[in-house]
Protein backbone atom coordinates (compact mmCIF):
# COMPACT_ATOMS: atom_id res chain seq x y z
CA UNK A 1 0.00 0.00 0.00
CA UNK A 2 2.80 2.39 0.86
CA UNK A 3 4.28 1.83 -2.60
CA UNK A 4 0.94 2.49 -4.26
CA UNK A 5 0.52 5.74 -2.30
CA UNK A 6 4.00 6.89 -3.36
CA UNK A 7 3.22 6.10 -6.98
CA UNK A 8 -0.06 8.02 -6.77
CA UNK A 9 1.74 11.05 -5.29
CA UNK A 10 4.42 10.95 -8.02
CA UNK A 11 1.75 10.76 -10.74
CA UNK A 12 -0.20 13.61 -9.15
CA UNK A 13 2.87 15.83 -8.95
CA UNK A 14 3.87 14.94 -12.51
CA UNK A 15 0.43 15.87 -13.79
CA UNK A 16 0.72 19.30 -12.17
CA UNK A 17 3.88 20.11 -14.12
CA UNK A 18 4.35 23.10 -16.38
CA UNK A 19 1.51 24.26 -18.56
CA UNK A 20 1.06 23.36 -22.21
CA UNK A 21 2.12 26.65 -23.72
CA UNK A 22 2.43 25.47 -27.32
CA UNK A 23 0.25 27.12 -29.93
CA UNK A 24 -2.82 25.28 -31.21
CA UNK A 25 -2.16 23.43 -34.48
CA UNK A 26 -4.39 25.46 -36.82
CA UNK A 27 -4.31 29.16 -35.97
CA UNK A 28 -6.31 30.07 -39.07
CA UNK A 29 -9.43 28.18 -37.97
CA UNK A 30 -11.35 29.39 -34.92
CA UNK A 31 -13.40 26.17 -34.82
CA UNK A 32 -10.22 24.08 -34.74
CA UNK A 33 -8.81 26.23 -31.93
CA UNK A 34 -12.07 25.85 -30.00
CA UNK A 35 -12.06 22.07 -30.48
CA UNK A 36 -8.39 21.67 -29.56
CA UNK A 37 -8.43 24.05 -26.59
CA UNK A 38 -11.91 24.19 -25.04
CA UNK A 39 -10.45 26.00 -22.01
CA UNK A 40 -9.57 28.92 -24.30
CA UNK A 41 -13.16 29.21 -25.42
CA UNK A 42 -14.50 28.99 -21.87
CA UNK A 43 -12.13 31.78 -20.83
CA UNK A 44 -13.02 34.00 -23.79
CA UNK A 45 -16.75 33.49 -23.35
CA UNK A 46 -16.43 34.40 -19.66
CA UNK A 47 -14.57 37.56 -20.69
CA UNK A 48 -17.24 38.38 -23.27
CA UNK A 49 -19.95 38.04 -20.60
CA UNK A 50 -18.01 40.12 -18.06
CA UNK A 51 -16.54 42.90 -20.24
CA UNK A 52 -18.55 42.72 -23.48
CA UNK A 53 -15.53 42.08 -25.73
CA UNK A 54 -16.53 39.56 -28.42
CA UNK A 55 -14.65 36.27 -28.57
CA UNK A 56 -13.47 36.90 -32.14
CA UNK A 57 -11.92 40.26 -31.14
CA UNK A 58 -10.08 38.58 -28.26
CA UNK A 59 -8.91 35.72 -30.48
CA UNK A 60 -7.54 38.01 -33.19
CA UNK A 61 -5.70 40.13 -30.62
CA UNK A 62 -4.20 37.12 -28.84
CA UNK A 63 -3.19 35.67 -32.20
CA UNK A 64 -1.32 38.87 -33.03
CA UNK A 65 0.27 39.24 -29.61
CA UNK A 66 1.41 35.69 -28.85
CA UNK A 67 0.03 33.24 -31.44
CA UNK A 68 -1.68 31.63 -28.41
CA UNK A 69 1.66 30.77 -26.79
CA UNK A 70 1.17 31.13 -23.03
CA UNK A 71 4.77 31.87 -22.08
CA UNK A 72 5.61 34.11 -25.06
CA UNK A 73 8.23 36.79 -24.46
CA UNK A 74 9.80 39.50 -26.57
CA UNK A 75 13.19 38.70 -28.11
CA UNK A 76 16.47 39.44 -26.36
CA UNK A 77 18.45 42.54 -27.29
CA UNK A 78 22.19 42.33 -27.86
CA UNK A 79 24.96 44.90 -27.56
CA UNK A 80 27.57 44.63 -30.30
CA UNK A 81 25.45 41.82 -31.71
CA UNK A 82 26.57 39.25 -29.12
CA UNK A 83 26.25 40.54 -25.55
CA UNK A 84 22.74 39.95 -24.19
CA UNK A 85 21.36 43.07 -22.48
CA UNK A 86 17.80 41.97 -21.72
CA UNK A 87 14.53 41.71 -23.52
CA UNK A 88 12.92 44.38 -25.71
CA UNK A 89 10.17 44.88 -23.13
CA UNK A 90 8.52 43.25 -20.13
CA UNK A 91 5.68 41.88 -22.30
CA UNK A 92 4.81 38.32 -21.35
CA UNK A 93 2.16 35.66 -21.81
CA UNK A 94 -0.87 35.22 -24.02
CA UNK A 95 -1.77 38.90 -23.91
CA UNK A 96 1.82 40.23 -23.97
CA UNK A 97 0.88 42.55 -21.13
CA UNK A 98 3.63 44.83 -19.84
CA UNK A 99 4.56 44.67 -16.15
CA UNK A 100 3.11 48.09 -15.32
CA UNK A 101 -0.17 47.58 -17.16
CA UNK A 102 -0.56 44.12 -15.62
CA UNK A 103 -0.09 45.58 -12.14
CA UNK A 104 -2.66 48.29 -12.91
CA UNK A 105 -5.12 45.57 -13.98
CA UNK A 106 -4.49 43.49 -10.85
CA UNK A 107 -4.96 46.52 -8.62
CA UNK A 108 -8.09 47.88 -10.35
CA UNK A 109 -9.84 44.50 -10.62
CA UNK A 110 -8.67 43.05 -7.31
CA UNK A 111 -7.39 40.00 -9.18
CA UNK A 112 -4.08 39.97 -7.27
CA UNK A 113 -3.25 36.34 -8.10
CA UNK A 114 -3.67 36.77 -11.86
CA UNK A 115 -0.91 35.32 -14.03
CA UNK A 116 -0.12 36.33 -17.58
CA UNK A 117 0.49 32.73 -18.64
CA UNK A 118 -3.01 31.71 -17.53
CA UNK A 119 -5.51 31.96 -20.41
CA UNK A 120 -8.40 32.89 -18.12
CA UNK A 121 -6.43 35.74 -16.53
CA UNK A 122 -4.97 36.86 -19.86
CA UNK A 123 -8.38 37.11 -21.55
CA UNK A 124 -9.83 38.86 -18.50
CA UNK A 125 -6.98 41.37 -18.70
CA UNK A 126 -7.61 41.92 -22.39
CA UNK A 127 -11.34 42.33 -21.76
CA UNK A 128 -10.69 44.83 -18.96
CA UNK A 129 -8.24 46.81 -21.10
CA UNK A 130 -10.56 46.99 -24.10
CA UNK A 131 -13.58 47.79 -21.93
CA UNK A 132 -11.73 50.76 -20.41
CA UNK A 133 -10.62 51.82 -23.92
CA UNK A 134 -14.29 51.77 -24.89
CA UNK A 135 -15.23 53.93 -21.88
CA UNK A 136 -12.39 56.44 -22.15
CA UNK A 137 -11.83 56.63 -25.90
CA UNK A 138 -15.20 55.58 -27.29
CA UNK A 139 -13.72 52.67 -29.26
CA UNK A 140 -16.40 50.15 -30.15
CA UNK A 141 -15.93 46.78 -28.49
CA UNK A 142 -16.56 45.23 -31.92
CA UNK A 143 -13.80 47.25 -33.62
CA UNK A 144 -10.79 44.92 -33.44
CA UNK A 145 -8.62 47.24 -35.56
CA UNK A 146 -8.96 50.30 -33.31
CA UNK A 147 -9.00 48.24 -30.12
CA UNK A 148 -5.69 46.68 -31.18
CA UNK A 149 -4.17 50.10 -31.95
CA UNK A 150 -5.12 51.31 -28.45
CA UNK A 151 -3.86 48.05 -26.95
CA UNK A 152 -0.51 48.32 -28.72
CA UNK A 153 0.09 52.06 -28.36
CA UNK A 154 -1.57 52.54 -24.99
CA UNK A 155 -4.64 54.68 -24.57
CA UNK A 156 -2.76 57.98 -24.48
CA UNK A 157 -0.78 56.98 -27.59
CA UNK A 158 -4.01 56.10 -29.36
CA UNK A 159 -5.55 59.44 -28.35
CA UNK A 160 -2.45 61.24 -29.74
CA UNK A 161 -2.70 59.08 -32.88
CA UNK A 162 0.93 58.01 -32.49
CA UNK A 163 0.18 55.05 -34.77
CA UNK A 164 -0.05 57.39 -37.77
CA UNK A 165 3.75 57.61 -37.81
CA UNK A 166 3.98 53.80 -37.85
CA UNK A 167 2.69 52.48 -41.19
CA UNK A 168 3.69 48.94 -40.21
CA UNK A 169 1.43 49.12 -37.14
CA UNK A 170 -1.51 50.44 -39.15
CA UNK A 171 -1.02 47.44 -41.49
CA UNK A 172 -0.80 45.00 -38.57
CA UNK A 173 -3.92 46.42 -36.90
CA UNK A 174 -5.81 46.09 -40.19
CA UNK A 175 -4.72 42.44 -40.29
CA UNK A 176 -6.03 42.01 -36.74
CA UNK A 177 -9.36 43.43 -37.89
CA UNK A 178 -9.46 41.08 -40.88
CA UNK A 179 -8.58 38.06 -38.72
CA UNK A 180 -11.28 39.08 -36.24
CA UNK A 181 -13.87 39.06 -39.03
CA UNK A 182 -12.58 35.71 -40.29
CA UNK A 183 -12.82 34.25 -36.76
CA UNK A 184 -16.32 35.75 -36.32
CA UNK A 185 -17.59 34.04 -39.47
CA UNK A 186 -15.92 30.75 -38.54
CA UNK A 187 -17.31 30.78 -35.01
CA UNK A 188 -20.81 31.42 -36.34
CA UNK A 189 -20.53 28.37 -38.62
CA UNK A 190 -19.06 25.99 -36.05
CA UNK A 191 -21.70 26.85 -33.44
CA UNK A 192 -24.40 25.37 -35.68
C-alpha atoms as a PDB file:
ATOM      1  CA  UNK A   1       0.000   0.000   0.000  1.00  0.00           C
ATOM      2  CA  UNK A   2       2.801   2.387   0.863  1.00  0.00           C
ATOM      3  CA  UNK A   3       4.279   1.825  -2.597  1.00  0.00           C
ATOM      4  CA  UNK A   4       0.937   2.492  -4.258  1.00  0.00           C
ATOM      5  CA  UNK A   5       0.519   5.736  -2.301  1.00  0.00           C
ATOM      6  CA  UNK A   6       3.999   6.892  -3.356  1.00  0.00           C
ATOM      7  CA  UNK A   7       3.224   6.098  -6.984  1.00  0.00           C
ATOM      8  CA  UNK A   8      -0.061   8.020  -6.766  1.00  0.00           C
ATOM      9  CA  UNK A   9       1.738  11.047  -5.294  1.00  0.00           C
ATOM     10  CA  UNK A  10       4.419  10.947  -8.018  1.00  0.00           C
ATOM     11  CA  UNK A  11       1.749  10.756 -10.736  1.00  0.00           C
ATOM     12  CA  UNK A  12      -0.203  13.610  -9.153  1.00  0.00           C
ATOM     13  CA  UNK A  13       2.872  15.829  -8.946  1.00  0.00           C
ATOM     14  CA  UNK A  14       3.873  14.939 -12.514  1.00  0.00           C
ATOM     15  CA  UNK A  15       0.434  15.868 -13.787  1.00  0.00           C
ATOM     16  CA  UNK A  16       0.724  19.300 -12.172  1.00  0.00           C
ATOM     17  CA  UNK A  17       3.882  20.111 -14.123  1.00  0.00           C
ATOM     18  CA  UNK A  18       4.346  23.102 -16.378  1.00  0.00           C
ATOM     19  CA  UNK A  19       1.511  24.263 -18.563  1.00  0.00           C
ATOM     20  CA  UNK A  20       1.059  23.356 -22.205  1.00  0.00           C
ATOM     21  CA  UNK A  21       2.117  26.651 -23.725  1.00  0.00           C
ATOM     22  CA  UNK A  22       2.430  25.465 -27.324  1.00  0.00           C
ATOM     23  CA  UNK A  23       0.249  27.120 -29.933  1.00  0.00           C
ATOM     24  CA  UNK A  24      -2.824  25.282 -31.211  1.00  0.00           C
ATOM     25  CA  UNK A  25      -2.157  23.427 -34.476  1.00  0.00           C
ATOM     26  CA  UNK A  26      -4.390  25.465 -36.816  1.00  0.00           C
ATOM     27  CA  UNK A  27      -4.311  29.165 -35.973  1.00  0.00           C
ATOM     28  CA  UNK A  28      -6.315  30.072 -39.071  1.00  0.00           C
ATOM     29  CA  UNK A  29      -9.431  28.184 -37.973  1.00  0.00           C
ATOM     30  CA  UNK A  30     -11.355  29.388 -34.923  1.00  0.00           C
ATOM     31  CA  UNK A  31     -13.399  26.171 -34.820  1.00  0.00           C
ATOM     32  CA  UNK A  32     -10.218  24.082 -34.742  1.00  0.00           C
ATOM     33  CA  UNK A  33      -8.808  26.234 -31.933  1.00  0.00           C
ATOM     34  CA  UNK A  34     -12.072  25.846 -30.005  1.00  0.00           C
ATOM     35  CA  UNK A  35     -12.063  22.067 -30.485  1.00  0.00           C
ATOM     36  CA  UNK A  36      -8.386  21.667 -29.563  1.00  0.00           C
ATOM     37  CA  UNK A  37      -8.433  24.048 -26.594  1.00  0.00           C
ATOM     38  CA  UNK A  38     -11.911  24.191 -25.039  1.00  0.00           C
ATOM     39  CA  UNK A  39     -10.454  26.000 -22.005  1.00  0.00           C
ATOM     40  CA  UNK A  40      -9.568  28.916 -24.302  1.00  0.00           C
ATOM     41  CA  UNK A  41     -13.160  29.208 -25.424  1.00  0.00           C
ATOM     42  CA  UNK A  42     -14.504  28.991 -21.873  1.00  0.00           C
ATOM     43  CA  UNK A  43     -12.125  31.779 -20.832  1.00  0.00           C
ATOM     44  CA  UNK A  44     -13.016  33.999 -23.790  1.00  0.00           C
ATOM     45  CA  UNK A  45     -16.752  33.485 -23.352  1.00  0.00           C
ATOM     46  CA  UNK A  46     -16.431  34.398 -19.656  1.00  0.00           C
ATOM     47  CA  UNK A  47     -14.570  37.562 -20.687  1.00  0.00           C
ATOM     48  CA  UNK A  48     -17.239  38.379 -23.265  1.00  0.00           C
ATOM     49  CA  UNK A  49     -19.951  38.038 -20.602  1.00  0.00           C
ATOM     50  CA  UNK A  50     -18.013  40.119 -18.061  1.00  0.00           C
ATOM     51  CA  UNK A  51     -16.535  42.900 -20.236  1.00  0.00           C
ATOM     52  CA  UNK A  52     -18.546  42.718 -23.484  1.00  0.00           C
ATOM     53  CA  UNK A  53     -15.526  42.075 -25.727  1.00  0.00           C
ATOM     54  CA  UNK A  54     -16.528  39.562 -28.424  1.00  0.00           C
ATOM     55  CA  UNK A  55     -14.651  36.265 -28.568  1.00  0.00           C
ATOM     56  CA  UNK A  56     -13.472  36.901 -32.137  1.00  0.00           C
ATOM     57  CA  UNK A  57     -11.920  40.260 -31.140  1.00  0.00           C
ATOM     58  CA  UNK A  58     -10.080  38.584 -28.258  1.00  0.00           C
ATOM     59  CA  UNK A  59      -8.913  35.720 -30.475  1.00  0.00           C
ATOM     60  CA  UNK A  60      -7.540  38.009 -33.186  1.00  0.00           C
ATOM     61  CA  UNK A  61      -5.701  40.132 -30.620  1.00  0.00           C
ATOM     62  CA  UNK A  62      -4.197  37.116 -28.841  1.00  0.00           C
ATOM     63  CA  UNK A  63      -3.190  35.673 -32.202  1.00  0.00           C
ATOM     64  CA  UNK A  64      -1.317  38.875 -33.028  1.00  0.00           C
ATOM     65  CA  UNK A  65       0.270  39.242 -29.606  1.00  0.00           C
ATOM     66  CA  UNK A  66       1.412  35.690 -28.847  1.00  0.00           C
ATOM     67  CA  UNK A  67       0.033  33.238 -31.437  1.00  0.00           C
ATOM     68  CA  UNK A  68      -1.682  31.631 -28.410  1.00  0.00           C
ATOM     69  CA  UNK A  69       1.658  30.765 -26.786  1.00  0.00           C
ATOM     70  CA  UNK A  70       1.171  31.133 -23.033  1.00  0.00           C
ATOM     71  CA  UNK A  71       4.767  31.872 -22.084  1.00  0.00           C
ATOM     72  CA  UNK A  72       5.606  34.113 -25.060  1.00  0.00           C
ATOM     73  CA  UNK A  73       8.229  36.794 -24.463  1.00  0.00           C
ATOM     74  CA  UNK A  74       9.801  39.501 -26.566  1.00  0.00           C
ATOM     75  CA  UNK A  75      13.192  38.696 -28.113  1.00  0.00           C
ATOM     76  CA  UNK A  76      16.469  39.442 -26.363  1.00  0.00           C
ATOM     77  CA  UNK A  77      18.448  42.535 -27.294  1.00  0.00           C
ATOM     78  CA  UNK A  78      22.193  42.333 -27.864  1.00  0.00           C
ATOM     79  CA  UNK A  79      24.961  44.904 -27.558  1.00  0.00           C
ATOM     80  CA  UNK A  80      27.571  44.630 -30.301  1.00  0.00           C
ATOM     81  CA  UNK A  81      25.451  41.822 -31.713  1.00  0.00           C
ATOM     82  CA  UNK A  82      26.566  39.245 -29.123  1.00  0.00           C
ATOM     83  CA  UNK A  83      26.253  40.536 -25.546  1.00  0.00           C
ATOM     84  CA  UNK A  84      22.742  39.946 -24.186  1.00  0.00           C
ATOM     85  CA  UNK A  85      21.360  43.066 -22.481  1.00  0.00           C
ATOM     86  CA  UNK A  86      17.804  41.969 -21.716  1.00  0.00           C
ATOM     87  CA  UNK A  87      14.526  41.714 -23.525  1.00  0.00           C
ATOM     88  CA  UNK A  88      12.925  44.378 -25.708  1.00  0.00           C
ATOM     89  CA  UNK A  89      10.166  44.880 -23.131  1.00  0.00           C
ATOM     90  CA  UNK A  90       8.523  43.248 -20.128  1.00  0.00           C
ATOM     91  CA  UNK A  91       5.681  41.884 -22.297  1.00  0.00           C
ATOM     92  CA  UNK A  92       4.815  38.318 -21.354  1.00  0.00           C
ATOM     93  CA  UNK A  93       2.160  35.664 -21.805  1.00  0.00           C
ATOM     94  CA  UNK A  94      -0.868  35.216 -24.021  1.00  0.00           C
ATOM     95  CA  UNK A  95      -1.771  38.905 -23.907  1.00  0.00           C
ATOM     96  CA  UNK A  96       1.820  40.227 -23.973  1.00  0.00           C
ATOM     97  CA  UNK A  97       0.878  42.550 -21.127  1.00  0.00           C
ATOM     98  CA  UNK A  98       3.628  44.826 -19.839  1.00  0.00           C
ATOM     99  CA  UNK A  99       4.557  44.668 -16.154  1.00  0.00           C
ATOM    100  CA  UNK A 100       3.106  48.094 -15.325  1.00  0.00           C
ATOM    101  CA  UNK A 101      -0.170  47.582 -17.158  1.00  0.00           C
ATOM    102  CA  UNK A 102      -0.565  44.120 -15.617  1.00  0.00           C
ATOM    103  CA  UNK A 103      -0.093  45.584 -12.138  1.00  0.00           C
ATOM    104  CA  UNK A 104      -2.664  48.293 -12.912  1.00  0.00           C
ATOM    105  CA  UNK A 105      -5.124  45.569 -13.978  1.00  0.00           C
ATOM    106  CA  UNK A 106      -4.488  43.488 -10.853  1.00  0.00           C
ATOM    107  CA  UNK A 107      -4.958  46.517  -8.622  1.00  0.00           C
ATOM    108  CA  UNK A 108      -8.093  47.877 -10.347  1.00  0.00           C
ATOM    109  CA  UNK A 109      -9.841  44.505 -10.621  1.00  0.00           C
ATOM    110  CA  UNK A 110      -8.671  43.052  -7.309  1.00  0.00           C
ATOM    111  CA  UNK A 111      -7.392  39.998  -9.175  1.00  0.00           C
ATOM    112  CA  UNK A 112      -4.076  39.966  -7.272  1.00  0.00           C
ATOM    113  CA  UNK A 113      -3.252  36.340  -8.101  1.00  0.00           C
ATOM    114  CA  UNK A 114      -3.667  36.769 -11.862  1.00  0.00           C
ATOM    115  CA  UNK A 115      -0.911  35.315 -14.028  1.00  0.00           C
ATOM    116  CA  UNK A 116      -0.121  36.329 -17.577  1.00  0.00           C
ATOM    117  CA  UNK A 117       0.492  32.734 -18.638  1.00  0.00           C
ATOM    118  CA  UNK A 118      -3.012  31.705 -17.535  1.00  0.00           C
ATOM    119  CA  UNK A 119      -5.507  31.957 -20.406  1.00  0.00           C
ATOM    120  CA  UNK A 120      -8.405  32.885 -18.118  1.00  0.00           C
ATOM    121  CA  UNK A 121      -6.429  35.739 -16.526  1.00  0.00           C
ATOM    122  CA  UNK A 122      -4.975  36.863 -19.863  1.00  0.00           C
ATOM    123  CA  UNK A 123      -8.383  37.105 -21.546  1.00  0.00           C
ATOM    124  CA  UNK A 124      -9.832  38.858 -18.503  1.00  0.00           C
ATOM    125  CA  UNK A 125      -6.976  41.370 -18.699  1.00  0.00           C
ATOM    126  CA  UNK A 126      -7.611  41.920 -22.392  1.00  0.00           C
ATOM    127  CA  UNK A 127     -11.340  42.334 -21.763  1.00  0.00           C
ATOM    128  CA  UNK A 128     -10.688  44.831 -18.963  1.00  0.00           C
ATOM    129  CA  UNK A 129      -8.242  46.814 -21.097  1.00  0.00           C
ATOM    130  CA  UNK A 130     -10.559  46.990 -24.097  1.00  0.00           C
ATOM    131  CA  UNK A 131     -13.579  47.792 -21.927  1.00  0.00           C
ATOM    132  CA  UNK A 132     -11.734  50.760 -20.408  1.00  0.00           C
ATOM    133  CA  UNK A 133     -10.624  51.822 -23.916  1.00  0.00           C
ATOM    134  CA  UNK A 134     -14.291  51.775 -24.892  1.00  0.00           C
ATOM    135  CA  UNK A 135     -15.227  53.928 -21.877  1.00  0.00           C
ATOM    136  CA  UNK A 136     -12.385  56.439 -22.148  1.00  0.00           C
ATOM    137  CA  UNK A 137     -11.833  56.629 -25.902  1.00  0.00           C
ATOM    138  CA  UNK A 138     -15.202  55.583 -27.285  1.00  0.00           C
ATOM    139  CA  UNK A 139     -13.718  52.672 -29.261  1.00  0.00           C
ATOM    140  CA  UNK A 140     -16.399  50.149 -30.148  1.00  0.00           C
ATOM    141  CA  UNK A 141     -15.928  46.781 -28.488  1.00  0.00           C
ATOM    142  CA  UNK A 142     -16.564  45.228 -31.921  1.00  0.00           C
ATOM    143  CA  UNK A 143     -13.795  47.251 -33.623  1.00  0.00           C
ATOM    144  CA  UNK A 144     -10.791  44.923 -33.438  1.00  0.00           C
ATOM    145  CA  UNK A 145      -8.622  47.237 -35.562  1.00  0.00           C
ATOM    146  CA  UNK A 146      -8.957  50.298 -33.315  1.00  0.00           C
ATOM    147  CA  UNK A 147      -8.996  48.243 -30.116  1.00  0.00           C
ATOM    148  CA  UNK A 148      -5.689  46.684 -31.181  1.00  0.00           C
ATOM    149  CA  UNK A 149      -4.169  50.097 -31.947  1.00  0.00           C
ATOM    150  CA  UNK A 150      -5.116  51.315 -28.454  1.00  0.00           C
ATOM    151  CA  UNK A 151      -3.862  48.052 -26.950  1.00  0.00           C
ATOM    152  CA  UNK A 152      -0.505  48.321 -28.722  1.00  0.00           C
ATOM    153  CA  UNK A 153       0.085  52.060 -28.356  1.00  0.00           C
ATOM    154  CA  UNK A 154      -1.573  52.538 -24.989  1.00  0.00           C
ATOM    155  CA  UNK A 155      -4.642  54.683 -24.570  1.00  0.00           C
ATOM    156  CA  UNK A 156      -2.761  57.979 -24.483  1.00  0.00           C
ATOM    157  CA  UNK A 157      -0.785  56.984 -27.593  1.00  0.00           C
ATOM    158  CA  UNK A 158      -4.011  56.105 -29.359  1.00  0.00           C
ATOM    159  CA  UNK A 159      -5.549  59.439 -28.347  1.00  0.00           C
ATOM    160  CA  UNK A 160      -2.455  61.244 -29.735  1.00  0.00           C
ATOM    161  CA  UNK A 161      -2.699  59.080 -32.884  1.00  0.00           C
ATOM    162  CA  UNK A 162       0.926  58.006 -32.490  1.00  0.00           C
ATOM    163  CA  UNK A 163       0.183  55.046 -34.766  1.00  0.00           C
ATOM    164  CA  UNK A 164      -0.055  57.387 -37.766  1.00  0.00           C
ATOM    165  CA  UNK A 165       3.746  57.610 -37.811  1.00  0.00           C
ATOM    166  CA  UNK A 166       3.976  53.800 -37.853  1.00  0.00           C
ATOM    167  CA  UNK A 167       2.687  52.485 -41.189  1.00  0.00           C
ATOM    168  CA  UNK A 168       3.691  48.936 -40.210  1.00  0.00           C
ATOM    169  CA  UNK A 169       1.430  49.122 -37.136  1.00  0.00           C
ATOM    170  CA  UNK A 170      -1.506  50.442 -39.154  1.00  0.00           C
ATOM    171  CA  UNK A 171      -1.020  47.437 -41.490  1.00  0.00           C
ATOM    172  CA  UNK A 172      -0.799  45.003 -38.572  1.00  0.00           C
ATOM    173  CA  UNK A 173      -3.915  46.419 -36.899  1.00  0.00           C
ATOM    174  CA  UNK A 174      -5.811  46.093 -40.193  1.00  0.00           C
ATOM    175  CA  UNK A 175      -4.724  42.442 -40.295  1.00  0.00           C
ATOM    176  CA  UNK A 176      -6.033  42.007 -36.739  1.00  0.00           C
ATOM    177  CA  UNK A 177      -9.364  43.434 -37.888  1.00  0.00           C
ATOM    178  CA  UNK A 178      -9.462  41.081 -40.883  1.00  0.00           C
ATOM    179  CA  UNK A 179      -8.578  38.065 -38.715  1.00  0.00           C
ATOM    180  CA  UNK A 180     -11.278  39.081 -36.245  1.00  0.00           C
ATOM    181  CA  UNK A 181     -13.867  39.056 -39.029  1.00  0.00           C
ATOM    182  CA  UNK A 182     -12.581  35.705 -40.287  1.00  0.00           C
ATOM    183  CA  UNK A 183     -12.823  34.249 -36.755  1.00  0.00           C
ATOM    184  CA  UNK A 184     -16.316  35.749 -36.320  1.00  0.00           C
ATOM    185  CA  UNK A 185     -17.595  34.038 -39.470  1.00  0.00           C
ATOM    186  CA  UNK A 186     -15.919  30.747 -38.544  1.00  0.00           C
ATOM    187  CA  UNK A 187     -17.308  30.775 -35.005  1.00  0.00           C
ATOM    188  CA  UNK A 188     -20.808  31.421 -36.343  1.00  0.00           C
ATOM    189  CA  UNK A 189     -20.528  28.375 -38.625  1.00  0.00           C
ATOM    190  CA  UNK A 190     -19.060  25.992 -36.048  1.00  0.00           C
ATOM    191  CA  UNK A 191     -21.700  26.852 -33.436  1.00  0.00           C
ATOM    192  CA  UNK A 192     -24.404  25.366 -35.683  1.00  0.00           C
END
